[in-house]
Structure formats: C-alpha cells, structure tokens
Amino acid sequence: MNKRSNSETTTSPAEQAPLGDGRSCDTCRHSFSADESRRHHAEYFDPPYGYADGCRERCLACWLGVGPADVPDAWPAAKI
C-alpha cells in the first residue's frame, strides 16, 4: 500500500495561482483582481482554460480572447 504524506499532496493550478488586487492587464491595461476572477469564475483557472497560468499578466477577458483588443465593439469605453 502506497500512502502519500500531507507534504506530497498535489494542488490544481487554480489553487496555486498567485492572487491579489491592483493588477493591470498587459493587453488592455484595465485594472483587475485575480481574487475577484477566482471568486466569480473559478472554472477558468484549471484546464482547459488554464487562467492560473496567466492571471499575473492578463485579465480574464483578454486571456479568453474576448477583451477590448479582441472585441472592441463590446468594450466602448476601452482605449487601447
């Protein structure tokens, strides 16, 4: 029988993602909070979307390809 110790347990990318407020998206420059994104859209942090890999640099909309640079008509106040 092979048991894992507590120190050997694995966590999902969503659990490992760096979080925090006051980030600025590298793509659209809007401010965003990875904490807010996880609170309301946790399903995007794990595969197949993998937002845990991008939540330091980009807002969720830009990561998903629906941000102001991708769909400018949906973001009328955006100035990129």
Protein backbone atom coordinates (compact mmCIF):
# COMPACT_ATOMS: atom_id res chain seq x y z
CA MET A 1 0.00 0.00 0.00
CA ASN A 2 1.42 3.34 -1.05
CA LYS A 3 0.24 6.31 1.00
CA ARG A 4 1.08 9.94 0.36
CA SER A 5 2.11 12.19 3.17
CA ASN A 6 0.48 15.60 3.52
CA SER A 7 3.60 17.23 2.11
CA GLU A 8 3.30 15.20 -1.11
CA THR A 9 -0.27 16.13 -1.98
CA THR A 10 -0.75 17.93 -5.26
CA THR A 11 -2.80 21.01 -5.87
CA SER A 12 -4.51 22.16 -9.01
CA PRO A 13 -3.29 25.19 -10.95
CA ALA A 14 -6.30 27.12 -9.61
CA GLU A 15 -5.15 26.50 -6.06
CA GLN A 16 -1.56 27.52 -6.87
CA ALA A 17 -2.37 30.69 -8.80
CA PRO A 18 -1.00 33.95 -7.45
CA LEU A 19 -3.81 36.22 -6.40
CA GLY A 20 -4.22 39.85 -5.50
CA ASP A 21 -5.80 43.14 -6.31
CA GLY A 22 -4.45 46.10 -8.20
CA ARG A 23 -3.11 44.31 -11.25
CA SER A 24 -3.03 45.97 -14.65
CA CYS A 25 -3.65 43.80 -17.71
CA ASP A 26 -0.64 43.70 -20.06
CA THR A 27 -3.01 43.58 -23.04
CA CYS A 28 -5.80 46.08 -22.35
CA ARG A 29 -4.33 48.00 -19.37
CA HIS A 30 -7.57 47.70 -17.37
CA SER A 31 -7.10 47.06 -13.67
CA PHE A 32 -8.31 43.69 -12.44
CA SER A 33 -8.26 41.40 -9.43
CA ALA A 34 -7.31 37.74 -9.73
CA ASP A 35 -9.09 37.25 -6.39
CA GLU A 36 -12.33 38.56 -7.92
CA SER A 37 -11.85 36.43 -11.01
CA ARG A 38 -11.38 33.29 -8.92
CA ARG A 39 -14.35 34.17 -6.71
CA HIS A 40 -16.72 34.56 -9.65
CA HIS A 41 -15.12 32.46 -12.39
CA ALA A 42 -13.07 29.70 -10.72
CA GLU A 43 -13.86 27.30 -13.55
CA TYR A 44 -11.43 29.19 -15.83
CA PHE A 45 -8.35 28.67 -13.63
CA ASP A 46 -7.94 24.95 -14.38
CA PRO A 47 -7.63 23.30 -17.80
CA PRO A 48 -8.82 23.55 -20.46
CA TYR A 49 -8.70 27.34 -20.00
CA GLY A 50 -5.67 27.44 -17.69
CA TYR A 51 -6.11 31.01 -16.47
CA ALA A 52 -3.96 30.18 -13.44
CA ASP A 53 -1.01 30.46 -15.84
CA GLY A 54 -1.97 33.95 -16.99
CA CYS A 55 -3.62 35.67 -14.05
CA ARG A 56 -0.46 37.62 -13.20
CA GLU A 57 -0.30 39.43 -16.52
CA ARG A 58 -3.74 39.48 -18.14
CA CYS A 59 -7.34 39.98 -17.16
CA LEU A 60 -9.67 37.04 -17.69
CA ALA A 61 -11.38 38.64 -20.70
CA CYS A 62 -8.09 39.12 -22.55
CA TRP A 63 -6.91 35.62 -21.56
CA LEU A 64 -10.09 34.18 -23.08
CA GLY A 65 -9.76 36.30 -26.23
CA VAL A 66 -12.83 38.44 -25.60
CA GLY A 67 -11.15 41.56 -24.18
CA PRO A 68 -11.20 45.08 -25.66
CA ALA A 69 -8.42 44.35 -28.15
CA ASP A 70 -10.26 41.27 -29.43
CA VAL A 71 -13.85 42.56 -29.43
CA PRO A 72 -13.65 46.38 -29.38
CA ASP A 73 -17.37 46.91 -30.05
CA ALA A 74 -18.20 45.08 -26.81
CA TRP A 75 -15.96 47.49 -24.84
CA PRO A 76 -16.99 51.00 -25.99
CA ALA A 77 -15.14 52.80 -23.18
CA ALA A 78 -11.87 50.95 -23.81
CA LYS A 79 -8.97 52.95 -25.15
CA ILE A 80 -6.15 50.70 -26.23
